[in-house]
Amino acid sequence: MSIFRAYDIRGIAGKDLGNEIAEKIGKAFATYVGGGEIIVGYDARISSPELKEAVINGLVSAGCDVVDIGMVPTPLVYFSVSHFKKDGGIMITGSHNPPEYNGFKLLRGDKTLYGEEIQDLRRIIESGRFSEGSGNVKEKNVIRGYQNYILKRVKLGKKLKIVIDCGNGAAGPVAVNLFENFGCKVIPLYCEPDGNFPNHHPDPTVDETLD
């Protein structure tokens, strides 16, 4: 089964997705977008940091500059690309899949790649014809800026008492701190990032997740 799906690139880490293909994905994406500055973030999965390094290596070797925003929930990559007016973004995430899976969500500008656009990346990889260059990498913490952006635009009518279950994903530290800054009483459940997802499957559509 191809890892190049309709809306993302996805497979089993270490089997379908390893460092070699991750680096090629970075090269193909840089070739596809024609350079520029790319936001890169990753989720809490065990395989994500290594895949992030590989895809960054591919990006910079094909001429893109990279802004590494670290471990973040997926929406922060979308926010960062738009808010900081970057040329694209890559989020390393297995989404709602079991721990052994991982993948890549890709944006050109603030538009998500899907369908034939993802197949274009596959075709670039198969051709072996990549752009060449020497990009730079810098790190940026975007979490505080994101929280301030939300806090300035959203006002709560009253302080709330809320339970947040982050399923040991990357959203935990961001969500808890954000709602505490709103003045809410927060009861956190499984808000410590752990790529083994020891408490429940990371899929909110599964009924057992609510047990």
N, C-alpha and C. Protein backbone atom coordinates (compact mmCIF):
# COMPACT_ATOMS: atom_id res chain seq x y z
N MET A 1 0.85 -1.20 0.00
CA MET A 1 0.00 0.00 0.00
C MET A 1 0.88 1.25 0.00
N SER A 2 0.58 2.20 -0.85
CA SER A 2 1.40 3.41 -0.95
C SER A 2 1.24 4.28 0.28
N ILE A 3 2.35 4.90 0.69
CA ILE A 3 2.29 5.84 1.81
C ILE A 3 1.75 7.19 1.35
N PHE A 4 1.64 7.38 0.04
CA PHE A 4 1.17 8.66 -0.49
C PHE A 4 -0.35 8.60 -0.64
N ARG A 5 -1.05 9.09 0.40
CA ARG A 5 -2.50 8.98 0.47
C ARG A 5 -3.17 10.21 -0.13
N ALA A 6 -4.48 10.27 0.04
CA ALA A 6 -5.24 11.39 -0.55
C ALA A 6 -4.92 12.72 0.13
N TYR A 7 -4.77 12.70 1.47
CA TYR A 7 -4.63 13.96 2.19
C TYR A 7 -3.33 14.08 2.98
N ASP A 8 -2.52 13.04 2.97
CA ASP A 8 -1.25 13.11 3.68
C ASP A 8 -0.35 11.97 3.21
N ILE A 9 0.82 11.90 3.82
CA ILE A 9 1.74 10.79 3.61
C ILE A 9 1.79 10.04 4.93
N ARG A 10 1.53 8.73 4.91
CA ARG A 10 1.34 8.02 6.17
C ARG A 10 1.75 6.57 6.04
N GLY A 11 2.34 6.03 7.12
CA GLY A 11 2.71 4.62 7.13
C GLY A 11 3.27 4.24 8.49
N ILE A 12 3.77 3.02 8.59
CA ILE A 12 4.35 2.53 9.84
C ILE A 12 5.81 3.00 9.91
N ALA A 13 6.14 3.70 10.98
CA ALA A 13 7.49 4.23 11.15
C ALA A 13 8.50 3.08 11.26
N GLY A 14 9.61 3.23 10.55
CA GLY A 14 10.64 2.21 10.56
C GLY A 14 10.41 1.09 9.57
N LYS A 15 9.21 1.04 9.02
CA LYS A 15 8.88 0.02 8.01
C LYS A 15 8.53 0.72 6.70
N ASP A 16 7.43 1.45 6.69
CA ASP A 16 7.05 2.22 5.50
C ASP A 16 7.74 3.58 5.47
N LEU A 17 7.97 4.14 6.65
CA LEU A 17 8.55 5.47 6.77
C LEU A 17 9.84 5.40 7.58
N GLY A 18 10.97 5.60 6.92
CA GLY A 18 12.25 5.66 7.59
C GLY A 18 12.95 6.96 7.25
N ASN A 19 14.17 7.09 7.74
CA ASN A 19 14.91 8.34 7.52
C ASN A 19 15.17 8.61 6.04
N GLU A 20 15.44 7.56 5.28
CA GLU A 20 15.77 7.75 3.87
C GLU A 20 14.59 8.34 3.10
N ILE A 21 13.41 7.76 3.26
CA ILE A 21 12.25 8.28 2.53
C ILE A 21 11.85 9.64 3.10
N ALA A 22 12.02 9.85 4.41
CA ALA A 22 11.69 11.16 4.99
C ALA A 22 12.57 12.26 4.40
N GLU A 23 13.85 11.96 4.22
CA GLU A 23 14.74 12.96 3.62
C GLU A 23 14.35 13.23 2.17
N LYS A 24 13.97 12.19 1.46
CA LYS A 24 13.52 12.38 0.07
C LYS A 24 12.23 13.19 0.01
N ILE A 25 11.34 12.98 0.97
CA ILE A 25 10.11 13.78 1.02
C ILE A 25 10.47 15.26 1.22
N GLY A 26 11.44 15.53 2.09
CA GLY A 26 11.88 16.91 2.28
C GLY A 26 12.46 17.50 1.00
N LYS A 27 13.28 16.73 0.30
CA LYS A 27 13.85 17.20 -0.96
C LYS A 27 12.77 17.44 -2.01
N ALA A 28 11.83 16.50 -2.10
CA ALA A 28 10.76 16.63 -3.09
C ALA A 28 9.87 17.83 -2.79
N PHE A 29 9.57 18.05 -1.52
CA PHE A 29 8.73 19.19 -1.15
C PHE A 29 9.43 20.51 -1.47
N ALA A 30 10.72 20.60 -1.14
CA ALA A 30 11.49 21.81 -1.45
C ALA A 30 11.53 22.05 -2.94
N THR A 31 11.69 21.00 -3.71
CA THR A 31 11.68 21.11 -5.17
C THR A 31 10.32 21.58 -5.66
N TYR A 32 9.28 21.02 -5.08
CA TYR A 32 7.90 21.32 -5.50
C TYR A 32 7.53 22.78 -5.23
N VAL A 33 7.92 23.29 -4.04
CA VAL A 33 7.53 24.66 -3.69
C VAL A 33 8.51 25.70 -4.23
N GLY A 34 9.67 25.24 -4.69
CA GLY A 34 10.63 26.17 -5.29
C GLY A 34 11.43 26.98 -4.29
N GLY A 35 11.69 26.40 -3.12
CA GLY A 35 12.47 27.10 -2.11
C GLY A 35 11.61 27.90 -1.16
N GLY A 36 12.23 28.82 -0.44
CA GLY A 36 11.51 29.63 0.53
C GLY A 36 11.75 29.15 1.95
N GLU A 37 10.90 29.62 2.85
CA GLU A 37 11.04 29.33 4.27
C GLU A 37 9.88 28.45 4.72
N ILE A 38 10.21 27.32 5.35
CA ILE A 38 9.24 26.29 5.68
C ILE A 38 9.17 26.08 7.19
N ILE A 39 7.96 26.09 7.72
CA ILE A 39 7.72 25.74 9.12
C ILE A 39 7.70 24.22 9.26
N VAL A 40 8.39 23.70 10.28
CA VAL A 40 8.36 22.26 10.55
C VAL A 40 8.04 22.03 12.03
N GLY A 41 7.03 21.21 12.28
CA GLY A 41 6.68 20.81 13.64
C GLY A 41 6.48 19.31 13.70
N TYR A 42 6.39 18.79 14.92
CA TYR A 42 6.21 17.34 15.06
C TYR A 42 5.38 17.02 16.30
N ASP A 43 4.78 15.82 16.30
CA ASP A 43 3.93 15.43 17.42
C ASP A 43 4.72 14.62 18.45
N ALA A 44 4.01 14.01 19.40
CA ALA A 44 4.65 13.36 20.54
C ALA A 44 5.09 11.93 20.28
N ARG A 45 4.88 11.42 19.09
CA ARG A 45 5.22 10.02 18.81
C ARG A 45 6.72 9.78 18.93
N ILE A 46 7.06 8.55 19.33
CA ILE A 46 8.46 8.20 19.56
C ILE A 46 9.30 8.42 18.31
N SER A 47 8.74 8.14 17.14
CA SER A 47 9.49 8.23 15.89
C SER A 47 9.57 9.64 15.33
N SER A 48 8.83 10.57 15.88
CA SER A 48 8.71 11.90 15.25
C SER A 48 10.00 12.72 15.24
N PRO A 49 10.78 12.79 16.35
CA PRO A 49 11.99 13.62 16.30
C PRO A 49 12.97 13.17 15.22
N GLU A 50 13.15 11.87 15.06
CA GLU A 50 14.09 11.38 14.05
C GLU A 50 13.59 11.67 12.64
N LEU A 51 12.30 11.48 12.41
CA LEU A 51 11.74 11.80 11.09
C LEU A 51 11.83 13.30 10.81
N LYS A 52 11.66 14.10 11.86
CA LYS A 52 11.78 15.55 11.69
C LYS A 52 13.18 15.92 11.21
N GLU A 53 14.20 15.36 11.86
CA GLU A 53 15.57 15.68 11.46
C GLU A 53 15.83 15.28 10.02
N ALA A 54 15.30 14.12 9.63
CA ALA A 54 15.52 13.64 8.26
C ALA A 54 14.85 14.54 7.24
N VAL A 55 13.61 14.93 7.50
CA VAL A 55 12.90 15.77 6.53
C VAL A 55 13.53 17.16 6.46
N ILE A 56 14.03 17.67 7.58
CA ILE A 56 14.74 18.95 7.57
C ILE A 56 16.01 18.85 6.74
N ASN A 57 16.75 17.75 6.89
CA ASN A 57 17.95 17.55 6.08
C ASN A 57 17.62 17.61 4.60
N GLY A 58 16.50 17.00 4.23
CA GLY A 58 16.08 17.03 2.84
C GLY A 58 15.72 18.43 2.38
N LEU A 59 14.99 19.15 3.21
CA LEU A 59 14.58 20.51 2.86
C LEU A 59 15.77 21.43 2.61
N VAL A 60 16.72 21.42 3.55
CA VAL A 60 17.84 22.36 3.43
C VAL A 60 18.77 21.97 2.29
N SER A 61 18.90 20.66 2.02
CA SER A 61 19.78 20.24 0.93
C SER A 61 19.21 20.60 -0.44
N ALA A 62 17.91 20.90 -0.47
CA ALA A 62 17.27 21.30 -1.73
C ALA A 62 16.94 22.79 -1.74
N GLY A 63 17.52 23.54 -0.81
CA GLY A 63 17.46 24.99 -0.90
C GLY A 63 16.46 25.72 -0.04
N CYS A 64 15.71 25.02 0.81
CA CYS A 64 14.75 25.70 1.68
C CYS A 64 15.39 26.08 3.01
N ASP A 65 14.99 27.21 3.55
CA ASP A 65 15.27 27.54 4.94
C ASP A 65 14.15 26.96 5.80
N VAL A 66 14.50 26.56 7.02
CA VAL A 66 13.55 25.87 7.89
C VAL A 66 13.42 26.61 9.21
N VAL A 67 12.18 26.75 9.67
CA VAL A 67 11.89 27.22 11.02
C VAL A 67 11.35 26.03 11.80
N ASP A 68 12.15 25.50 12.71
CA ASP A 68 11.78 24.33 13.52
C ASP A 68 11.04 24.83 14.75
N ILE A 69 9.73 24.54 14.82
CA ILE A 69 8.93 25.02 15.95
C ILE A 69 8.73 23.96 17.02
N GLY A 70 9.42 22.81 16.87
CA GLY A 70 9.43 21.81 17.92
C GLY A 70 8.17 20.97 17.99
N MET A 71 7.95 20.39 19.19
CA MET A 71 6.78 19.54 19.39
C MET A 71 5.56 20.40 19.66
N VAL A 72 4.60 20.33 18.77
CA VAL A 72 3.39 21.16 18.84
C VAL A 72 2.20 20.36 18.33
N PRO A 73 0.98 20.72 18.73
CA PRO A 73 -0.20 20.15 18.07
C PRO A 73 -0.28 20.66 16.64
N THR A 74 -0.87 19.85 15.77
CA THR A 74 -0.91 20.16 14.34
C THR A 74 -1.40 21.57 14.01
N PRO A 75 -2.46 22.07 14.66
CA PRO A 75 -2.94 23.41 14.29
C PRO A 75 -1.90 24.52 14.44
N LEU A 76 -0.88 24.31 15.28
CA LEU A 76 0.13 25.36 15.43
C LEU A 76 1.03 25.48 14.21
N VAL A 77 1.18 24.41 13.44
CA VAL A 77 1.90 24.52 12.17
C VAL A 77 1.08 25.36 11.19
N TYR A 78 -0.21 25.08 11.09
CA TYR A 78 -1.09 25.86 10.22
C TYR A 78 -1.09 27.33 10.65
N PHE A 79 -1.23 27.56 11.94
CA PHE A 79 -1.20 28.93 12.46
C PHE A 79 0.11 29.63 12.12
N SER A 80 1.23 28.95 12.33
CA SER A 80 2.54 29.57 12.15
C SER A 80 2.80 29.93 10.70
N VAL A 81 2.42 29.04 9.78
CA VAL A 81 2.60 29.33 8.36
C VAL A 81 1.84 30.59 7.97
N SER A 82 0.59 30.69 8.42
CA SER A 82 -0.24 31.83 8.08
C SER A 82 0.18 33.10 8.82
N HIS A 83 0.37 32.97 10.13
CA HIS A 83 0.64 34.14 10.97
C HIS A 83 1.98 34.79 10.65
N PHE A 84 2.99 33.95 10.39
CA PHE A 84 4.33 34.47 10.11
C PHE A 84 4.61 34.58 8.61
N LYS A 85 3.58 34.29 7.81
CA LYS A 85 3.66 34.45 6.35
C LYS A 85 4.84 33.69 5.75
N LYS A 86 4.90 32.40 6.06
CA LYS A 86 5.95 31.55 5.51
C LYS A 86 5.47 30.89 4.21
N ASP A 87 6.39 30.24 3.53
CA ASP A 87 6.09 29.68 2.20
C ASP A 87 5.44 28.30 2.25
N GLY A 88 5.48 27.66 3.41
CA GLY A 88 4.86 26.35 3.52
C GLY A 88 5.13 25.75 4.88
N GLY A 89 4.64 24.53 5.07
CA GLY A 89 4.83 23.87 6.35
C GLY A 89 4.75 22.36 6.23
N ILE A 90 5.41 21.70 7.16
CA ILE A 90 5.33 20.24 7.26
C ILE A 90 5.11 19.89 8.73
N MET A 91 4.09 19.09 8.98
CA MET A 91 3.82 18.57 10.32
C MET A 91 4.05 17.08 10.30
N ILE A 92 4.96 16.61 11.16
CA ILE A 92 5.20 15.18 11.29
C ILE A 92 4.23 14.67 12.35
N THR A 93 3.26 13.86 11.93
CA THR A 93 2.22 13.39 12.84
C THR A 93 1.57 12.12 12.32
N GLY A 94 1.24 11.25 13.24
CA GLY A 94 0.48 10.06 12.90
C GLY A 94 -1.01 10.26 13.07
N SER A 95 -1.41 11.50 13.42
CA SER A 95 -2.81 11.84 13.57
C SER A 95 -3.48 10.92 14.59
N HIS A 96 -4.60 10.31 14.24
CA HIS A 96 -5.37 9.49 15.19
C HIS A 96 -4.98 8.02 15.14
N ASN A 97 -3.91 7.68 14.41
CA ASN A 97 -3.53 6.29 14.22
C ASN A 97 -2.75 5.73 15.41
N PRO A 98 -2.62 4.40 15.48
CA PRO A 98 -1.88 3.77 16.58
C PRO A 98 -0.43 4.26 16.66
N PRO A 99 0.24 4.02 17.80
CA PRO A 99 1.57 4.60 18.05
C PRO A 99 2.63 4.27 17.01
N GLU A 100 2.53 3.12 16.37
CA GLU A 100 3.57 2.73 15.41
C GLU A 100 3.49 3.49 14.10
N TYR A 101 2.40 4.19 13.87
CA TYR A 101 2.24 4.96 12.63
C TYR A 101 2.84 6.35 12.76
N ASN A 102 3.19 6.91 11.61
CA ASN A 102 3.55 8.32 11.56
C ASN A 102 3.31 8.82 10.15
N GLY A 103 3.53 10.11 9.94
CA GLY A 103 3.26 10.64 8.61
C GLY A 103 3.59 12.11 8.50
N PHE A 104 3.20 12.69 7.36
CA PHE A 104 3.49 14.09 7.07
C PHE A 104 2.25 14.78 6.52
N LYS A 105 1.90 15.90 7.11
CA LYS A 105 0.90 16.80 6.54
C LYS A 105 1.67 17.99 5.96
N LEU A 106 1.32 18.39 4.74
CA LEU A 106 2.12 19.38 4.04
C LEU A 106 1.28 20.55 3.57
N LEU A 107 1.84 21.75 3.66
CA LEU A 107 1.17 22.96 3.20
C LEU A 107 2.07 23.72 2.24
N ARG A 108 1.49 24.16 1.15
CA ARG A 108 2.16 25.12 0.27
C ARG A 108 1.47 26.45 0.47
N GLY A 109 2.21 27.45 0.96
CA GLY A 109 1.53 28.61 1.49
C GLY A 109 0.67 28.14 2.65
N ASP A 110 -0.56 28.63 2.73
CA ASP A 110 -1.44 28.16 3.79
C ASP A 110 -2.48 27.17 3.27
N LYS A 111 -2.20 26.55 2.13
CA LYS A 111 -3.10 25.56 1.54
C LYS A 111 -2.53 24.16 1.71
N THR A 112 -3.36 23.25 2.20
CA THR A 112 -2.93 21.88 2.42
C THR A 112 -2.81 21.13 1.10
N LEU A 113 -1.71 20.41 0.94
CA LEU A 113 -1.55 19.56 -0.25
C LEU A 113 -2.47 18.35 -0.14
N TYR A 114 -3.11 17.97 -1.24
CA TYR A 114 -3.94 16.78 -1.25
C TYR A 114 -4.05 16.26 -2.68
N GLY A 115 -4.52 15.02 -2.79
CA GLY A 115 -4.79 14.43 -4.10
C GLY A 115 -3.58 14.40 -5.01
N GLU A 116 -3.70 14.96 -6.20
CA GLU A 116 -2.63 14.92 -7.19
C GLU A 116 -1.39 15.68 -6.74
N GLU A 117 -1.57 16.65 -5.86
CA GLU A 117 -0.40 17.39 -5.36
C GLU A 117 0.52 16.47 -4.57
N ILE A 118 -0.06 15.60 -3.76
CA ILE A 118 0.75 14.63 -3.04
C ILE A 118 1.36 13.61 -4.00
N GLN A 119 0.62 13.23 -5.01
CA GLN A 119 1.17 12.32 -6.02
C GLN A 119 2.30 12.99 -6.81
N ASP A 120 2.24 14.31 -6.96
CA ASP A 120 3.35 15.03 -7.60
C ASP A 120 4.63 14.85 -6.81
N LEU A 121 4.54 14.88 -5.49
CA LEU A 121 5.72 14.64 -4.65
C LEU A 121 6.26 13.24 -4.89
N ARG A 122 5.37 12.27 -4.94
CA ARG A 122 5.80 10.89 -5.22
C ARG A 122 6.54 10.82 -6.55
N ARG A 123 6.01 11.49 -7.55
CA ARG A 123 6.63 11.44 -8.88
C ARG A 123 8.01 12.12 -8.88
N ILE A 124 8.14 13.20 -8.11
CA ILE A 124 9.45 13.84 -8.00
C ILE A 124 10.46 12.89 -7.36
N ILE A 125 10.03 12.20 -6.31
CA ILE A 125 10.91 11.24 -5.65
C ILE A 125 11.31 10.13 -6.61
N GLU A 126 10.35 9.61 -7.35
CA GLU A 126 10.64 8.53 -8.29
C GLU A 126 11.58 8.98 -9.40
N SER A 127 11.50 10.25 -9.78
CA SER A 127 12.38 10.76 -10.84
C SER A 127 13.80 10.96 -10.34
N GLY A 128 13.95 11.21 -9.03
CA GLY A 128 15.27 11.46 -8.46
C GLY A 128 15.84 12.82 -8.81
N ARG A 129 15.03 13.69 -9.39
CA ARG A 129 15.50 15.01 -9.80
C ARG A 129 15.05 16.05 -8.76
N PHE A 130 15.98 16.43 -7.92
CA PHE A 130 15.69 17.37 -6.84
C PHE A 130 16.45 18.68 -7.05
N SER A 131 15.87 19.76 -6.56
CA SER A 131 16.62 21.02 -6.51
C SER A 131 17.82 20.85 -5.60
N GLU A 132 18.81 21.70 -5.79
CA GLU A 132 19.99 21.68 -4.94
C GLU A 132 20.20 23.06 -4.32
N GLY A 133 20.67 23.06 -3.10
CA GLY A 133 20.91 24.33 -2.42
C GLY A 133 21.51 24.09 -1.06
N SER A 134 21.50 25.11 -0.25
CA SER A 134 22.05 25.01 1.10
C SER A 134 21.26 25.95 2.01
N GLY A 135 20.16 25.43 2.54
CA GLY A 135 19.31 26.23 3.40
C GLY A 135 19.80 26.29 4.82
N ASN A 136 19.17 27.13 5.61
CA ASN A 136 19.51 27.29 7.02
C ASN A 136 18.36 26.82 7.90
N VAL A 137 18.69 26.49 9.14
CA VAL A 137 17.68 26.05 10.11
C VAL A 137 17.74 26.96 11.34
N LYS A 138 16.58 27.42 11.78
CA LYS A 138 16.51 28.14 13.05
C LYS A 138 15.34 27.60 13.85
N GLU A 139 15.43 27.71 15.16
CA GLU A 139 14.37 27.24 16.04
C GLU A 139 13.55 28.44 16.52
N LYS A 140 12.27 28.20 16.70
CA LYS A 140 11.38 29.27 17.16
C LYS A 140 10.29 28.68 18.04
N ASN A 141 10.10 29.27 19.22
CA ASN A 141 9.00 28.87 20.10
C ASN A 141 7.78 29.70 19.74
N VAL A 142 6.77 29.06 19.21
CA VAL A 142 5.57 29.79 18.76
C VAL A 142 4.41 29.66 19.74
N ILE A 143 4.57 28.87 20.78
CA ILE A 143 3.44 28.57 21.66
C ILE A 143 2.95 29.82 22.38
N ARG A 144 3.87 30.61 22.95
CA ARG A 144 3.44 31.81 23.67
C ARG A 144 2.77 32.80 22.72
N GLY A 145 3.31 32.97 21.53
CA GLY A 145 2.69 33.87 20.56
C GLY A 145 1.30 33.42 20.16
N TYR A 146 1.13 32.10 20.01
CA TYR A 146 -0.19 31.54 19.68
C TYR A 146 -1.18 31.80 20.82
N GLN A 147 -0.73 31.55 22.04
CA GLN A 147 -1.62 31.77 23.19
C GLN A 147 -2.02 33.23 23.31
N ASN A 148 -1.07 34.14 23.13
CA ASN A 148 -1.39 35.57 23.20
C ASN A 148 -2.37 35.97 22.11
N TYR A 149 -2.20 35.39 20.92
CA TYR A 149 -3.10 35.67 19.80
C TYR A 149 -4.54 35.29 20.17
N ILE A 150 -4.69 34.11 20.78
CA ILE A 150 -6.02 33.64 21.18
C ILE A 150 -6.58 34.49 22.32
N LEU A 151 -5.75 34.76 23.31
CA LEU A 151 -6.22 35.49 24.49
C LEU A 151 -6.69 36.89 24.15
N LYS A 152 -6.09 37.51 23.14
CA LYS A 152 -6.49 38.86 22.73
C LYS A 152 -7.82 38.87 21.98
N ARG A 153 -8.19 37.73 21.41
CA ARG A 153 -9.35 37.69 20.52
C ARG A 153 -10.56 36.96 21.09
N VAL A 154 -10.36 36.25 22.18
CA VAL A 154 -11.45 35.46 22.77
C VAL A 154 -11.64 35.90 24.22
N LYS A 155 -12.87 36.20 24.58
CA LYS A 155 -13.20 36.58 25.95
C LYS A 155 -14.27 35.62 26.48
N LEU A 156 -14.03 35.07 27.65
CA LEU A 156 -15.01 34.18 28.27
C LEU A 156 -15.99 34.99 29.12
N GLY A 157 -17.26 34.64 29.02
CA GLY A 157 -18.28 35.32 29.81
C GLY A 157 -18.15 35.04 31.29
N LYS A 158 -17.62 33.87 31.61
CA LYS A 158 -17.38 33.52 33.00
C LYS A 158 -16.25 32.50 33.05
N LYS A 159 -15.65 32.40 34.21
CA LYS A 159 -14.59 31.42 34.39
C LYS A 159 -15.22 30.03 34.47
N LEU A 160 -14.60 29.10 33.80
CA LEU A 160 -15.15 27.75 33.69
C LEU A 160 -14.29 26.74 34.44
N LYS A 161 -14.93 25.66 34.83
CA LYS A 161 -14.22 24.50 35.35
C LYS A 161 -14.29 23.44 34.26
N ILE A 162 -13.14 23.05 33.71
CA ILE A 162 -13.14 22.15 32.57
C ILE A 162 -12.17 20.99 32.78
N VAL A 163 -12.54 19.87 32.18
CA VAL A 163 -11.67 18.70 32.14
C VAL A 163 -11.07 18.62 30.74
N ILE A 164 -9.75 18.49 30.66
CA ILE A 164 -9.07 18.38 29.38
C ILE A 164 -8.37 17.03 29.31
N ASP A 165 -8.77 16.20 28.35
CA ASP A 165 -8.11 14.92 28.10
C ASP A 165 -7.34 15.04 26.79
N CYS A 166 -6.02 15.10 26.89
CA CYS A 166 -5.18 15.25 25.70
C CYS A 166 -4.59 13.93 25.23
N GLY A 167 -4.96 12.84 25.87
CA GLY A 167 -4.54 11.53 25.39
C GLY A 167 -3.04 11.37 25.23
N ASN A 168 -2.26 12.09 26.05
CA ASN A 168 -0.80 12.05 25.99
C ASN A 168 -0.22 12.57 24.68
N GLY A 169 -1.00 13.39 23.98
CA GLY A 169 -0.52 13.98 22.74
C GLY A 169 0.18 15.31 22.97
N ALA A 170 0.57 15.95 21.88
CA ALA A 170 1.35 17.19 21.95
C ALA A 170 0.54 18.39 22.43
N ALA A 171 -0.78 18.28 22.44
CA ALA A 171 -1.62 19.43 22.81
C ALA A 171 -1.62 19.70 24.31
N GLY A 172 -1.21 18.73 25.12
CA GLY A 172 -1.34 18.85 26.56
C GLY A 172 -0.80 20.14 27.16
N PRO A 173 0.50 20.40 27.04
CA PRO A 173 1.05 21.61 27.66
C PRO A 173 0.44 22.89 27.10
N VAL A 174 0.09 22.91 25.82
CA VAL A 174 -0.48 24.10 25.20
C VAL A 174 -1.89 24.36 25.73
N ALA A 175 -2.71 23.32 25.74
CA ALA A 175 -4.12 23.48 26.12
C ALA A 175 -4.28 23.84 27.58
N VAL A 176 -3.57 23.13 28.46
CA VAL A 176 -3.72 23.39 29.89
C VAL A 176 -3.32 24.83 30.21
N ASN A 177 -2.17 25.24 29.71
CA ASN A 177 -1.70 26.59 30.00
C ASN A 177 -2.61 27.66 29.41
N LEU A 178 -3.14 27.42 28.21
CA LEU A 178 -4.03 28.39 27.58
C LEU A 178 -5.28 28.62 28.41
N PHE A 179 -5.93 27.53 28.82
CA PHE A 179 -7.17 27.68 29.57
C PHE A 179 -6.92 28.22 30.98
N GLU A 180 -5.78 27.90 31.56
CA GLU A 180 -5.45 28.51 32.85
C GLU A 180 -5.26 30.02 32.71
N ASN A 181 -4.70 30.44 31.58
CA ASN A 181 -4.55 31.88 31.34
C ASN A 181 -5.89 32.58 31.12
N PHE A 182 -6.90 31.81 30.73
CA PHE A 182 -8.25 32.35 30.64
C PHE A 182 -8.90 32.47 32.02
N GLY A 183 -8.22 31.94 33.04
CA GLY A 183 -8.78 31.97 34.38
C GLY A 183 -9.62 30.76 34.72
N CYS A 184 -9.57 29.74 33.88
CA CYS A 184 -10.36 28.53 34.10
C CYS A 184 -9.72 27.63 35.15
N LYS A 185 -10.56 26.87 35.82
CA LYS A 185 -10.10 25.79 36.68
C LYS A 185 -9.96 24.56 35.80
N VAL A 186 -8.74 24.09 35.64
CA VAL A 186 -8.47 23.00 34.70
C VAL A 186 -8.18 21.71 35.45
N ILE A 187 -8.88 20.65 35.06
CA ILE A 187 -8.60 19.31 35.56
C ILE A 187 -7.98 18.53 34.41
N PRO A 188 -6.65 18.34 34.42
CA PRO A 188 -5.99 17.69 33.28
C PRO A 188 -6.02 16.17 33.38
N LEU A 189 -6.29 15.54 32.26
CA LEU A 189 -6.19 14.08 32.14
C LEU A 189 -5.21 13.75 31.03
N TYR A 190 -4.17 13.01 31.36
CA TYR A 190 -3.23 12.50 30.35
C TYR A 190 -2.68 13.63 29.49
N CYS A 191 -2.25 14.71 30.13
CA CYS A 191 -1.76 15.87 29.40
C CYS A 191 -0.23 15.90 29.28
N GLU A 192 0.44 14.85 29.77
CA GLU A 192 1.88 14.75 29.60
C GLU A 192 2.15 14.02 28.28
N PRO A 193 2.87 14.64 27.35
CA PRO A 193 3.15 13.97 26.07
C PRO A 193 3.89 12.64 26.28
N ASP A 194 3.38 11.61 25.67
CA ASP A 194 3.97 10.27 25.73
C ASP A 194 3.58 9.53 24.46
N GLY A 195 4.55 9.34 23.58
CA GLY A 195 4.28 8.74 22.28
C GLY A 195 3.84 7.30 22.30
N ASN A 196 3.87 6.66 23.48
CA ASN A 196 3.34 5.30 23.59
C ASN A 196 1.83 5.31 23.82
N PHE A 197 1.26 6.47 24.11
CA PHE A 197 -0.17 6.62 24.39
C PHE A 197 -0.66 5.55 25.37
N PRO A 198 -0.11 5.58 26.60
CA PRO A 198 -0.36 4.49 27.55
C PRO A 198 -1.77 4.44 28.12
N ASN A 199 -2.54 5.52 28.01
CA ASN A 199 -3.84 5.56 28.67
C ASN A 199 -5.01 5.22 27.77
N HIS A 200 -4.96 5.66 26.52
CA HIS A 200 -5.98 5.25 25.56
C HIS A 200 -5.52 5.59 24.15
N HIS A 201 -6.16 4.96 23.18
CA HIS A 201 -5.87 5.18 21.77
C HIS A 201 -6.12 6.65 21.42
N PRO A 202 -5.23 7.28 20.64
CA PRO A 202 -5.35 8.72 20.37
C PRO A 202 -6.37 9.08 19.30
N ASP A 203 -7.56 8.54 19.43
CA ASP A 203 -8.60 8.79 18.43
C ASP A 203 -9.88 9.20 19.14
N PRO A 204 -10.26 10.48 19.09
CA PRO A 204 -11.45 10.94 19.82
C PRO A 204 -12.76 10.41 19.28
N THR A 205 -12.74 9.78 18.09
CA THR A 205 -13.98 9.24 17.53
C THR A 205 -14.28 7.84 18.05
N VAL A 206 -13.34 7.24 18.78
CA VAL A 206 -13.55 5.91 19.35
C VAL A 206 -14.29 6.05 20.68
N ASP A 207 -15.42 5.39 20.82
CA ASP A 207 -16.26 5.55 22.00
C ASP A 207 -15.51 5.22 23.29
N GLU A 208 -14.65 4.20 23.26
CA GLU A 208 -13.94 3.78 24.46
C GLU A 208 -13.02 4.87 25.00
N THR A 209 -12.64 5.81 24.14
CA THR A 209 -11.79 6.91 24.58
C THR A 209 -12.46 7.74 25.67
N LEU A 210 -13.79 7.76 25.69
CA LEU A 210 -14.53 8.55 26.66
C LEU A 210 -14.79 7.81 27.96
N ASP A 211 -14.40 6.55 28.03
CA ASP A 211 -14.65 5.77 29.25
C ASP A 211 -13.76 6.25 30.40
